[in-house]
Amino acid sequence: MKLIKAFIRRRKAEEVYSALNQAGYCCMTFVECEGTGQYSDHEKEHISEKYPFADAYKVIKLEILVADEHVRPVIELIRKNGRTGYRGDGMITVSPVEEVYKVRNDESGILSI
């Protein structure tokens, strides 16, 4: 099982979600956050008011937990639907997950999601 984290432009979040949802991936988390990097946007629509000293910009962090065999398809959906062609389109990371514990009940271990 893997945890995929993707940092994408806010304006692409709905497209990425729709593509993942249509492909059968229902369970994911979106968090609005701010960061720095090699970002460029001719419209400057994402520049942070909270952290202007760092040239920070607003992005969406998407987190999705998937079985190992779904990692590549999920990454490709995120890349295809999150891309604008400008620097700063984002980054995707993949981390191993050893166990999952459900809060609602006593289930634990590697669970089907």
PDB file of N, CA and C in Angstrom:
ATOM      1  N   MET A   1       0.848  -1.169   0.000  1.00  0.00           N
ATOM      2  CA  MET A   1       0.000   0.000   0.000  1.00  0.00           C
ATOM      3  C   MET A   1       0.896   1.235   0.000  1.00  0.00           C
ATOM      4  N   LYS A   2       0.471   2.268  -0.708  1.00  0.00           N
ATOM      5  CA  LYS A   2       1.259   3.494  -0.836  1.00  0.00           C
ATOM      6  C   LYS A   2       0.395   4.716  -0.563  1.00  0.00           C
ATOM      7  N   LEU A   3       1.059   5.749  -0.042  1.00  0.00           N
ATOM      8  CA  LEU A   3       0.436   7.059   0.119  1.00  0.00           C
ATOM      9  C   LEU A   3       1.003   7.968  -0.954  1.00  0.00           C
ATOM     10  N   ILE A   4       0.139   8.469  -1.795  1.00  0.00           N
ATOM     11  CA  ILE A   4       0.544   9.400  -2.846  1.00  0.00           C
ATOM     12  C   ILE A   4       0.165  10.800  -2.397  1.00  0.00           C
ATOM     13  N   LYS A   5       1.137  11.709  -2.421  1.00  0.00           N
ATOM     14  CA  LYS A   5       0.899  13.123  -2.137  1.00  0.00           C
ATOM     15  C   LYS A   5       1.225  13.889  -3.404  1.00  0.00           C
ATOM     16  N   ALA A   6       0.304  14.752  -3.789  1.00  0.00           N
ATOM     17  CA  ALA A   6       0.515  15.572  -4.981  1.00  0.00           C
ATOM     18  C   ALA A   6       0.241  17.024  -4.625  1.00  0.00           C
ATOM     19  N   PHE A   7       1.158  17.889  -5.005  1.00  0.00           N
ATOM     20  CA  PHE A   7       0.974  19.331  -4.837  1.00  0.00           C
ATOM     21  C   PHE A   7       0.634  19.870  -6.209  1.00  0.00           C
ATOM     22  N   ILE A   8      -0.581  20.424  -6.347  1.00  0.00           N
ATOM     23  CA  ILE A   8      -1.068  20.869  -7.652  1.00  0.00           C
ATOM     24  C   ILE A   8      -1.623  22.287  -7.550  1.00  0.00           C
ATOM     25  N   ARG A   9      -1.775  22.908  -8.689  1.00  0.00           N
ATOM     26  CA  ARG A   9      -2.375  24.244  -8.733  1.00  0.00           C
ATOM     27  C   ARG A   9      -3.842  24.166  -8.305  1.00  0.00           C
ATOM     28  N   ARG A  10      -4.281  25.205  -7.612  1.00  0.00           N
ATOM     29  CA  ARG A  10      -5.679  25.234  -7.152  1.00  0.00           C
ATOM     30  C   ARG A  10      -6.656  25.123  -8.306  1.00  0.00           C
ATOM     31  N   ARG A  11      -6.362  25.780  -9.390  1.00  0.00           N
ATOM     32  CA  ARG A  11      -7.321  25.779 -10.506  1.00  0.00           C
ATOM     33  C   ARG A  11      -7.406  24.429 -11.209  1.00  0.00           C
ATOM     34  N   LYS A  12      -6.506  23.501 -10.908  1.00  0.00           N
ATOM     35  CA  LYS A  12      -6.528  22.176 -11.523  1.00  0.00           C
ATOM     36  C   LYS A  12      -7.102  21.110 -10.586  1.00  0.00           C
ATOM     37  N   ALA A  13      -7.393  21.471  -9.348  1.00  0.00           N
ATOM     38  CA  ALA A  13      -7.849  20.492  -8.355  1.00  0.00           C
ATOM     39  C   ALA A  13      -9.146  19.798  -8.767  1.00  0.00           C
ATOM     40  N   GLU A  14     -10.086  20.526  -9.295  1.00  0.00           N
ATOM     41  CA  GLU A  14     -11.365  19.922  -9.683  1.00  0.00           C
ATOM     42  C   GLU A  14     -11.175  18.926 -10.821  1.00  0.00           C
ATOM     43  N   GLU A  15     -10.333  19.269 -11.789  1.00  0.00           N
ATOM     44  CA  GLU A  15     -10.060  18.344 -12.901  1.00  0.00           C
ATOM     45  C   GLU A  15      -9.404  17.065 -12.412  1.00  0.00           C
ATOM     46  N   VAL A  16      -8.434  17.209 -11.523  1.00  0.00           N
ATOM     47  CA  VAL A  16      -7.745  16.038 -10.984  1.00  0.00           C
ATOM     48  C   VAL A  16      -8.723  15.172 -10.206  1.00  0.00           C
ATOM     49  N   TYR A  17      -9.527  15.799  -9.350  1.00  0.00           N
ATOM     50  CA  TYR A  17     -10.515  15.047  -8.583  1.00  0.00           C
ATOM     51  C   TYR A  17     -11.479  14.305  -9.509  1.00  0.00           C
ATOM     52  N   SER A  18     -12.012  14.988 -10.501  1.00  0.00           N
ATOM     53  CA  SER A  18     -12.978  14.370 -11.412  1.00  0.00           C
ATOM     54  C   SER A  18     -12.374  13.167 -12.131  1.00  0.00           C
ATOM     55  N   ALA A  19     -11.146  13.301 -12.589  1.00  0.00           N
ATOM     56  CA  ALA A  19     -10.494  12.200 -13.298  1.00  0.00           C
ATOM     57  C   ALA A  19     -10.295  10.999 -12.379  1.00  0.00           C
ATOM     58  N   LEU A  20      -9.828  11.249 -11.157  1.00  0.00           N
ATOM     59  CA  LEU A  20      -9.624  10.161 -10.203  1.00  0.00           C
ATOM     60  C   LEU A  20     -10.956   9.510  -9.832  1.00  0.00           C
ATOM     61  N   ASN A  21     -11.958  10.319  -9.588  1.00  0.00           N
ATOM     62  CA  ASN A  21     -13.273   9.810  -9.212  1.00  0.00           C
ATOM     63  C   ASN A  21     -13.887   8.973 -10.341  1.00  0.00           C
ATOM     64  N   GLN A  22     -13.787   9.452 -11.572  1.00  0.00           N
ATOM     65  CA  GLN A  22     -14.326   8.713 -12.710  1.00  0.00           C
ATOM     66  C   GLN A  22     -13.596   7.384 -12.926  1.00  0.00           C
ATOM     67  N   ALA A  23     -12.338   7.327 -12.513  1.00  0.00           N
ATOM     68  CA  ALA A  23     -11.558   6.092 -12.646  1.00  0.00           C
ATOM     69  C   ALA A  23     -11.798   5.149 -11.467  1.00  0.00           C
ATOM     70  N   GLY A  24     -12.650   5.553 -10.518  1.00  0.00           N
ATOM     71  CA  GLY A  24     -13.008   4.685  -9.414  1.00  0.00           C
ATOM     72  C   GLY A  24     -12.272   4.939  -8.116  1.00  0.00           C
ATOM     73  N   TYR A  25     -11.485   5.999  -8.060  1.00  0.00           N
ATOM     74  CA  TYR A  25     -10.781   6.345  -6.819  1.00  0.00           C
ATOM     75  C   TYR A  25     -11.622   7.368  -6.068  1.00  0.00           C
ATOM     76  N   CYS A  26     -12.272   6.902  -5.012  1.00  0.00           N
ATOM     77  CA  CYS A  26     -13.257   7.751  -4.339  1.00  0.00           C
ATOM     78  C   CYS A  26     -12.722   8.494  -3.127  1.00  0.00           C
ATOM     79  N   CYS A  27     -11.680   7.955  -2.506  1.00  0.00           N
ATOM     80  CA  CYS A  27     -11.320   8.424  -1.177  1.00  0.00           C
ATOM     81  C   CYS A  27      -9.991   9.161  -1.208  1.00  0.00           C
ATOM     82  N   MET A  28     -10.041  10.457  -1.010  1.00  0.00           N
ATOM     83  CA  MET A  28      -8.835  11.274  -1.050  1.00  0.00           C
ATOM     84  C   MET A  28      -9.051  12.501  -0.182  1.00  0.00           C
ATOM     85  N   THR A  29      -7.960  13.179   0.128  1.00  0.00           N
ATOM     86  CA  THR A  29      -8.008  14.384   0.943  1.00  0.00           C
ATOM     87  C   THR A  29      -7.392  15.535   0.174  1.00  0.00           C
ATOM     88  N   PHE A  30      -8.018  16.699   0.247  1.00  0.00           N
ATOM     89  CA  PHE A  30      -7.477  17.919  -0.346  1.00  0.00           C
ATOM     90  C   PHE A  30      -7.224  18.914   0.777  1.00  0.00           C
ATOM     91  N   VAL A  31      -6.047  19.526   0.774  1.00  0.00           N
ATOM     92  CA  VAL A  31      -5.693  20.526   1.775  1.00  0.00           C
ATOM     93  C   VAL A  31      -5.142  21.742   1.043  1.00  0.00           C
ATOM     94  N   GLU A  32      -5.678  22.925   1.341  1.00  0.00           N
ATOM     95  CA  GLU A  32      -5.106  24.134   0.769  1.00  0.00           C
ATOM     96  C   GLU A  32      -3.907  24.527   1.620  1.00  0.00           C
ATOM     97  N   CYS A  33      -2.793  24.751   0.981  1.00  0.00           N
ATOM     98  CA  CYS A  33      -1.579  25.123   1.711  1.00  0.00           C
ATOM     99  C   CYS A  33      -0.786  26.132   0.877  1.00  0.00           C
ATOM    100  N   GLU A  34       0.331  26.582   1.422  1.00  0.00           N
ATOM    101  CA  GLU A  34       1.172  27.545   0.734  1.00  0.00           C
ATOM    102  C   GLU A  34       2.611  27.065   0.784  1.00  0.00           C
ATOM    103  N   GLY A  35       3.349  27.325  -0.286  1.00  0.00           N
ATOM    104  CA  GLY A  35       4.732  26.885  -0.328  1.00  0.00           C
ATOM    105  C   GLY A  35       5.537  27.690  -1.319  1.00  0.00           C
ATOM    106  N   THR A  36       6.812  27.366  -1.380  1.00  0.00           N
ATOM    107  CA  THR A  36       7.707  28.021  -2.318  1.00  0.00           C
ATOM    108  C   THR A  36       8.296  26.981  -3.246  1.00  0.00           C
ATOM    109  N   GLY A  37       8.824  27.423  -4.345  1.00  0.00           N
ATOM    110  CA  GLY A  37       9.432  26.511  -5.307  1.00  0.00           C
ATOM    111  C   GLY A  37       9.694  27.234  -6.605  1.00  0.00           C
ATOM    112  N   GLN A  38       9.868  26.480  -7.650  1.00  0.00           N
ATOM    113  CA  GLN A  38      10.121  27.066  -8.964  1.00  0.00           C
ATOM    114  C   GLN A  38       8.782  27.306  -9.640  1.00  0.00           C
ATOM    115  N   TYR A  39       8.084  28.283  -9.143  1.00  0.00           N
ATOM    116  CA  TYR A  39       6.724  28.560  -9.571  1.00  0.00           C
ATOM    117  C   TYR A  39       6.705  29.736 -10.523  1.00  0.00           C
ATOM    118  N   SER A  40       5.914  29.633 -11.548  1.00  0.00           N
ATOM    119  CA  SER A  40       5.688  30.786 -12.414  1.00  0.00           C
ATOM    120  C   SER A  40       4.231  30.773 -12.848  1.00  0.00           C
ATOM    121  N   ASP A  41       3.668  31.920 -12.887  1.00  0.00           N
ATOM    122  CA  ASP A  41       2.285  32.058 -13.324  1.00  0.00           C
ATOM    123  C   ASP A  41       2.120  33.467 -13.859  1.00  0.00           C
ATOM    124  N   HIS A  42       1.907  33.556 -15.124  1.00  0.00           N
ATOM    125  CA  HIS A  42       1.809  34.882 -15.728  1.00  0.00           C
ATOM    126  C   HIS A  42       0.645  35.689 -15.173  1.00  0.00           C
ATOM    127  N   GLU A  43      -0.352  35.022 -14.591  1.00  0.00           N
ATOM    128  CA  GLU A  43      -1.505  35.733 -14.024  1.00  0.00           C
ATOM    129  C   GLU A  43      -1.300  36.083 -12.552  1.00  0.00           C
ATOM    130  N   LYS A  44      -0.303  35.502 -11.900  1.00  0.00           N
ATOM    131  CA  LYS A  44       0.021  35.749 -10.493  1.00  0.00           C
ATOM    132  C   LYS A  44      -1.193  35.538  -9.591  1.00  0.00           C
ATOM    133  N   GLU A  45      -2.026  34.584  -9.917  1.00  0.00           N
ATOM    134  CA  GLU A  45      -3.245  34.390  -9.150  1.00  0.00           C
ATOM    135  C   GLU A  45      -3.047  33.642  -7.842  1.00  0.00           C
ATOM    136  N   HIS A  46      -1.881  33.075  -7.603  1.00  0.00           N
ATOM    137  CA  HIS A  46      -1.697  32.249  -6.425  1.00  0.00           C
ATOM    138  C   HIS A  46      -0.732  32.858  -5.404  1.00  0.00           C
ATOM    139  N   ILE A  47      -0.255  34.060  -5.607  1.00  0.00           N
ATOM    140  CA  ILE A  47       0.731  34.632  -4.704  1.00  0.00           C
ATOM    141  C   ILE A  47       0.117  34.811  -3.315  1.00  0.00           C
ATOM    142  N   SER A  48       0.861  34.432  -2.286  1.00  0.00           N
ATOM    143  CA  SER A  48       0.381  34.441  -0.912  1.00  0.00           C
ATOM    144  C   SER A  48       0.338  35.843  -0.329  1.00  0.00           C
ATOM    145  N   GLU A  49      -0.732  36.147   0.363  1.00  0.00           N
ATOM    146  CA  GLU A  49      -0.806  37.368   1.144  1.00  0.00           C
ATOM    147  C   GLU A  49      -0.267  37.117   2.546  1.00  0.00           C
ATOM    148  N   LYS A  50      -0.324  35.876   2.992  1.00  0.00           N
ATOM    149  CA  LYS A  50       0.104  35.513   4.337  1.00  0.00           C
ATOM    150  C   LYS A  50       1.628  35.429   4.458  1.00  0.00           C
ATOM    151  N   TYR A  51       2.299  34.981   3.389  1.00  0.00           N
ATOM    152  CA  TYR A  51       3.749  34.812   3.418  1.00  0.00           C
ATOM    153  C   TYR A  51       4.414  35.511   2.226  1.00  0.00           C
ATOM    154  N   PRO A  52       4.196  36.806   2.032  1.00  0.00           N
ATOM    155  CA  PRO A  52       4.776  37.483   0.864  1.00  0.00           C
ATOM    156  C   PRO A  52       6.298  37.549   0.902  1.00  0.00           C
ATOM    157  N   PHE A  53       6.878  37.504   2.090  1.00  0.00           N
ATOM    158  CA  PHE A  53       8.333  37.565   2.233  1.00  0.00           C
ATOM    159  C   PHE A  53       9.017  36.345   1.614  1.00  0.00           C
ATOM    160  N   ALA A  54       8.298  35.258   1.462  1.00  0.00           N
ATOM    161  CA  ALA A  54       8.891  34.027   0.947  1.00  0.00           C
ATOM    162  C   ALA A  54       8.489  33.755  -0.499  1.00  0.00           C
ATOM    163  N   ASP A  55       7.818  34.696  -1.128  1.00  0.00           N
ATOM    164  CA  ASP A  55       7.279  34.451  -2.467  1.00  0.00           C
ATOM    165  C   ASP A  55       6.490  33.141  -2.496  1.00  0.00           C
ATOM    166  N   ALA A  56       5.722  32.913  -1.451  1.00  0.00           N
ATOM    167  CA  ALA A  56       4.915  31.704  -1.347  1.00  0.00           C
ATOM    168  C   ALA A  56       3.689  31.816  -2.245  1.00  0.00           C
ATOM    169  N   TYR A  57       3.168  30.677  -2.627  1.00  0.00           N
ATOM    170  CA  TYR A  57       1.966  30.637  -3.450  1.00  0.00           C
ATOM    171  C   TYR A  57       1.040  29.562  -2.904  1.00  0.00           C
ATOM    172  N   LYS A  58      -0.236  29.714  -3.191  1.00  0.00           N
ATOM    173  CA  LYS A  58      -1.240  28.781  -2.702  1.00  0.00           C
ATOM    174  C   LYS A  58      -1.314  27.585  -3.640  1.00  0.00           C
ATOM    175  N   VAL A  59      -1.342  26.407  -3.038  1.00  0.00           N
ATOM    176  CA  VAL A  59      -1.459  25.162  -3.793  1.00  0.00           C
ATOM    177  C   VAL A  59      -2.420  24.234  -3.057  1.00  0.00           C
ATOM    178  N   ILE A  60      -2.785  23.183  -3.721  1.00  0.00           N
ATOM    179  CA  ILE A  60      -3.589  22.135  -3.118  1.00  0.00           C
ATOM    180  C   ILE A  60      -2.701  20.914  -2.929  1.00  0.00           C
ATOM    181  N   LYS A  61      -2.743  20.352  -1.719  1.00  0.00           N
ATOM    182  CA  LYS A  61      -2.069  19.082  -1.487  1.00  0.00           C
ATOM    183  C   LYS A  61      -3.144  18.002  -1.504  1.00  0.00           C
ATOM    184  N   LEU A  62      -2.994  17.071  -2.411  1.00  0.00           N
ATOM    185  CA  LEU A  62      -3.892  15.932  -2.543  1.00  0.00           C
ATOM    186  C   LEU A  62      -3.199  14.729  -1.923  1.00  0.00           C
ATOM    187  N   GLU A  63      -3.897  13.996  -1.075  1.00  0.00           N
ATOM    188  CA  GLU A  63      -3.373  12.757  -0.511  1.00  0.00           C
ATOM    189  C   GLU A  63      -4.350  11.640  -0.817  1.00  0.00           C
ATOM    190  N   ILE A  64      -3.811  10.524  -1.301  1.00  0.00           N
ATOM    191  CA  ILE A  64      -4.647   9.377  -1.630  1.00  0.00           C
ATOM    192  C   ILE A  64      -3.877   8.106  -1.301  1.00  0.00           C
ATOM    193  N   LEU A  65      -4.535   7.182  -0.638  1.00  0.00           N
ATOM    194  CA  LEU A  65      -3.954   5.909  -0.243  1.00  0.00           C
ATOM    195  C   LEU A  65      -4.415   4.852  -1.237  1.00  0.00           C
ATOM    196  N   VAL A  66      -3.472   4.137  -1.853  1.00  0.00           N
ATOM    197  CA  VAL A  66      -3.835   3.157  -2.878  1.00  0.00           C
ATOM    198  C   VAL A  66      -3.019   1.876  -2.726  1.00  0.00           C
ATOM    199  N   ALA A  67      -3.546   0.799  -3.282  1.00  0.00           N
ATOM    200  CA  ALA A  67      -2.804  -0.456  -3.364  1.00  0.00           C
ATOM    201  C   ALA A  67      -1.639  -0.259  -4.331  1.00  0.00           C
ATOM    202  N   ASP A  68      -0.586  -1.032  -4.145  1.00  0.00           N
ATOM    203  CA  ASP A  68       0.625  -0.880  -4.960  1.00  0.00           C
ATOM    204  C   ASP A  68       0.337  -0.880  -6.459  1.00  0.00           C
ATOM    205  N   GLU A  69      -0.572  -1.739  -6.898  1.00  0.00           N
ATOM    206  CA  GLU A  69      -0.838  -1.841  -8.344  1.00  0.00           C
ATOM    207  C   GLU A  69      -1.572  -0.626  -8.910  1.00  0.00           C
ATOM    208  N   HIS A  70      -2.067   0.264  -8.049  1.00  0.00           N
ATOM    209  CA  HIS A  70      -2.771   1.461  -8.517  1.00  0.00           C
ATOM    210  C   HIS A  70      -1.893   2.714  -8.528  1.00  0.00           C
ATOM    211  N   VAL A  71      -0.655   2.594  -8.067  1.00  0.00           N
ATOM    212  CA  VAL A  71       0.214   3.768  -7.983  1.00  0.00           C
ATOM    213  C   VAL A  71       0.423   4.409  -9.350  1.00  0.00           C
ATOM    214  N   ARG A  72       0.858   3.653 -10.318  1.00  0.00           N
ATOM    215  CA  ARG A  72       1.160   4.213 -11.648  1.00  0.00           C
ATOM    216  C   ARG A  72      -0.081   4.840 -12.296  1.00  0.00           C
ATOM    217  N   PRO A  73      -1.257   4.161 -12.315  1.00  0.00           N
ATOM    218  CA  PRO A  73      -2.440   4.794 -12.917  1.00  0.00           C
ATOM    219  C   PRO A  73      -2.848   6.098 -12.230  1.00  0.00           C
ATOM    220  N   VAL A  74      -2.747   6.132 -10.892  1.00  0.00           N
ATOM    221  CA  VAL A  74      -3.113   7.354 -10.164  1.00  0.00           C
ATOM    222  C   VAL A  74      -2.146   8.476 -10.491  1.00  0.00           C
ATOM    223  N   ILE A  75      -0.862   8.177 -10.522  1.00  0.00           N
ATOM    224  CA  ILE A  75       0.128   9.195 -10.877  1.00  0.00           C
ATOM    225  C   ILE A  75      -0.134   9.747 -12.267  1.00  0.00           C
ATOM    226  N   GLU A  76      -0.428   8.879 -13.213  1.00  0.00           N
ATOM    227  CA  GLU A  76      -0.681   9.334 -14.579  1.00  0.00           C
ATOM    228  C   GLU A  76      -1.935  10.203 -14.665  1.00  0.00           C
ATOM    229  N   LEU A  77      -2.973   9.861 -13.922  1.00  0.00           N
ATOM    230  CA  LEU A  77      -4.182  10.698 -13.909  1.00  0.00           C
ATOM    231  C   LEU A  77      -3.898  12.072 -13.327  1.00  0.00           C
ATOM    232  N   ILE A  78      -3.132  12.111 -12.247  1.00  0.00           N
ATOM    233  CA  ILE A  78      -2.790  13.398 -11.632  1.00  0.00           C
ATOM    234  C   ILE A  78      -1.954  14.230 -12.589  1.00  0.00           C
ATOM    235  N   ARG A  79      -0.951  13.616 -13.209  1.00  0.00           N
ATOM    236  CA  ARG A  79      -0.083  14.356 -14.133  1.00  0.00           C
ATOM    237  C   ARG A  79      -0.860  14.879 -15.339  1.00  0.00           C
ATOM    238  N   LYS A  80      -1.676  14.036 -15.927  1.00  0.00           N
ATOM    239  CA  LYS A  80      -2.421  14.428 -17.126  1.00  0.00           C
ATOM    240  C   LYS A  80      -3.405  15.566 -16.834  1.00  0.00           C
ATOM    241  N   ASN A  81      -4.089  15.481 -15.707  1.00  0.00           N
ATOM    242  CA  ASN A  81      -5.136  16.459 -15.405  1.00  0.00           C
ATOM    243  C   ASN A  81      -4.668  17.640 -14.577  1.00  0.00           C
ATOM    244  N   GLY A  82      -3.459  17.576 -14.015  1.00  0.00           N
ATOM    245  CA  GLY A  82      -2.927  18.676 -13.224  1.00  0.00           C
ATOM    246  C   GLY A  82      -1.971  19.575 -13.976  1.00  0.00           C
ATOM    247  N   ARG A  83      -1.635  19.205 -15.184  1.00  0.00           N
ATOM    248  CA  ARG A  83      -0.617  19.920 -15.961  1.00  0.00           C
ATOM    249  C   ARG A  83      -1.181  21.167 -16.650  1.00  0.00           C
ATOM    250  N   THR A  84      -0.425  22.272 -16.560  1.00  0.00           N
ATOM    251  CA  THR A  84      -0.753  23.480 -17.325  1.00  0.00           C
ATOM    252  C   THR A  84       0.331  23.776 -18.359  1.00  0.00           C
ATOM    253  N   GLY A  85       1.521  23.229 -18.135  1.00  0.00           N
ATOM    254  CA  GLY A  85       2.642  23.495 -19.028  1.00  0.00           C
ATOM    255  C   GLY A  85       3.579  24.579 -18.516  1.00  0.00           C
ATOM    256  N   TYR A  86       3.217  25.220 -17.410  1.00  0.00           N
ATOM    257  CA  TYR A  86       4.069  26.247 -16.810  1.00  0.00           C
ATOM    258  C   TYR A  86       4.902  25.645 -15.686  1.00  0.00           C
ATOM    259  N   ARG A  87       6.051  26.272 -15.412  1.00  0.00           N
ATOM    260  CA  ARG A  87       6.842  25.879 -14.250  1.00  0.00           C
ATOM    261  C   ARG A  87       5.959  25.974 -13.013  1.00  0.00           C
ATOM    262  N   GLY A  88       6.152  25.056 -12.085  1.00  0.00           N
ATOM    263  CA  GLY A  88       5.369  25.093 -10.855  1.00  0.00           C
ATOM    264  C   GLY A  88       4.075  24.308 -10.919  1.00  0.00           C
ATOM    265  N   ASP A  89       3.949  23.428 -11.901  1.00  0.00           N
ATOM    266  CA  ASP A  89       2.734  22.612 -11.987  1.00  0.00           C
ATOM    267  C   ASP A  89       2.602  21.645 -10.820  1.00  0.00           C
ATOM    268  N   GLY A  90       3.669  21.441 -10.071  1.00  0.00           N
ATOM    269  CA  GLY A  90       3.544  20.635  -8.873  1.00  0.00           C
ATOM    270  C   GLY A  90       4.529  19.504  -8.784  1.00  0.00           C
ATOM    271  N   MET A  91       4.273  18.665  -7.797  1.00  0.00           N
ATOM    272  CA  MET A  91       5.160  17.553  -7.483  1.00  0.00           C
ATOM    273  C   MET A  91       4.319  16.423  -6.916  1.00  0.00           C
ATOM    274  N   ILE A  92       4.750  15.190  -7.197  1.00  0.00           N
ATOM    275  CA  ILE A  92       4.071  14.011  -6.669  1.00  0.00           C
ATOM    276  C   ILE A  92       5.101  13.182  -5.919  1.00  0.00           C
ATOM    277  N   THR A  93       4.743  12.747  -4.710  1.00  0.00           N
ATOM    278  CA  THR A  93       5.610  11.846  -3.961  1.00  0.00           C
ATOM    279  C   THR A  93       4.827  10.580  -3.623  1.00  0.00           C
ATOM    280  N   VAL A  94       5.564   9.485  -3.474  1.00  0.00           N
ATOM    281  CA  VAL A  94       4.961   8.200  -3.125  1.00  0.00           C
ATOM    282  C   VAL A  94       5.722   7.637  -1.929  1.00  0.00           C
ATOM    283  N   SER A  95       4.987   7.263  -0.884  1.00  0.00           N
ATOM    284  CA  SER A  95       5.594   6.712   0.329  1.00  0.00           C
ATOM    285  C   SER A  95       4.932   5.384   0.680  1.00  0.00           C
ATOM    286  N   PRO A  96       5.708   4.458   1.228  1.00  0.00           N
ATOM    287  CA  PRO A  96       5.114   3.184   1.655  1.00  0.00           C
ATOM    288  C   PRO A  96       4.250   3.375   2.900  1.00  0.00           C
ATOM    289  N   VAL A  97       3.211   2.560   3.011  1.00  0.00           N
ATOM    290  CA  VAL A  97       2.338   2.552   4.186  1.00  0.00           C
ATOM    291  C   VAL A  97       2.359   1.133   4.740  1.00  0.00           C
ATOM    292  N   GLU A  98       2.721   0.999   5.986  1.00  0.00           N
ATOM    293  CA  GLU A  98       2.828  -0.325   6.588  1.00  0.00           C
ATOM    294  C   GLU A  98       1.494  -0.847   7.105  1.00  0.00           C
ATOM    295  N   GLU A  99       0.741   0.030   7.746  1.00  0.00           N
ATOM    296  CA  GLU A  99      -0.543  -0.384   8.301  1.00  0.00           C
ATOM    297  C   GLU A  99      -1.541   0.766   8.245  1.00  0.00           C
ATOM    298  N   VAL A 100      -2.805   0.386   8.324  1.00  0.00           N
ATOM    299  CA  VAL A 100      -3.896   1.350   8.381  1.00  0.00           C
ATOM    300  C   VAL A 100      -4.808   0.938   9.529  1.00  0.00           C
ATOM    301  N   TYR A 101      -5.229   1.903  10.316  1.00  0.00           N
ATOM    302  CA  TYR A 101      -6.142   1.652  11.423  1.00  0.00           C
ATOM    303  C   TYR A 101      -7.397   2.472  11.208  1.00  0.00           C
ATOM    304  N   LYS A 102      -8.543   1.821  11.269  1.00  0.00           N
ATOM    305  CA  LYS A 102      -9.800   2.538  11.140  1.00  0.00           C
ATOM    306  C   LYS A 102     -10.248   3.048  12.501  1.00  0.00           C
ATOM    307  N   VAL A 103     -10.708   4.278  12.521  1.00  0.00           N
ATOM    308  CA  VAL A 103     -11.168   4.897  13.756  1.00  0.00           C
ATOM    309  C   VAL A 103     -12.524   4.322  14.157  1.00  0.00           C
ATOM    310  N   ARG A 104     -13.377   4.073  13.196  1.00  0.00           N
ATOM    311  CA  ARG A 104     -14.749   3.644  13.444  1.00  0.00           C
ATOM    312  C   ARG A 104     -14.858   2.289  14.129  1.00  0.00           C
ATOM    313  N   ASN A 105     -13.928   1.381  13.808  1.00  0.00           N
ATOM    314  CA  ASN A 105     -14.033   0.029  14.367  1.00  0.00           C
ATOM    315  C   ASN A 105     -12.631  -0.506  14.681  1.00  0.00           C
ATOM    316  N   ASP A 106     -12.522  -1.761  14.921  1.00  0.00           N
ATOM    317  CA  ASP A 106     -11.240  -2.354  15.325  1.00  0.00           C
ATOM    318  C   ASP A 106     -10.427  -2.879  14.150  1.00  0.00           C
ATOM    319  N   GLU A 107     -10.773  -2.559  12.924  1.00  0.00           N
ATOM    320  CA  GLU A 107     -10.021  -3.059  11.775  1.00  0.00           C
ATOM    321  C   GLU A 107      -8.646  -2.398  11.711  1.00  0.00           C
ATOM    322  N   SER A 108      -7.655  -3.204  11.356  1.00  0.00           N
ATOM    323  CA  SER A 108      -6.310  -2.661  11.192  1.00  0.00           C
ATOM    324  C   SER A 108      -5.543  -3.534  10.216  1.00  0.00           C
ATOM    325  N   GLY A 109      -4.322  -3.115   9.913  1.00  0.00           N
ATOM    326  CA  GLY A 109      -3.499  -3.835   8.948  1.00  0.00           C
ATOM    327  C   GLY A 109      -3.657  -3.223   7.578  1.00  0.00           C
ATOM    328  N   ILE A 110      -3.345  -3.972   6.559  1.00  0.00           N
ATOM    329  CA  ILE A 110      -3.525  -3.507   5.186  1.00  0.00           C
ATOM    330  C   ILE A 110      -4.983  -3.750   4.824  1.00  0.00           C
ATOM    331  N   LEU A 111      -5.712  -2.697   4.648  1.00  0.00           N
ATOM    332  CA  LEU A 111      -7.151  -2.774   4.383  1.00  0.00           C
ATOM    333  C   LEU A 111      -7.443  -2.441   2.935  1.00  0.00           C
ATOM    334  N   SER A 112      -8.489  -2.992   2.419  1.00  0.00           N
ATOM    335  CA  SER A 112      -8.935  -2.556   1.089  1.00  0.00           C
ATOM    336  C   SER A 112      -9.651  -1.238   1.280  1.00  0.00           C
ATOM    337  N   ILE A 113      -9.378  -0.325   0.377  1.00  0.00           N
ATOM    338  CA  ILE A 113      -9.924   1.009   0.523  1.00  0.00           C
ATOM    339  C   ILE A 113     -10.856   1.309  -0.622  1.00  0.00           C
TER     340      ILE A 113
END
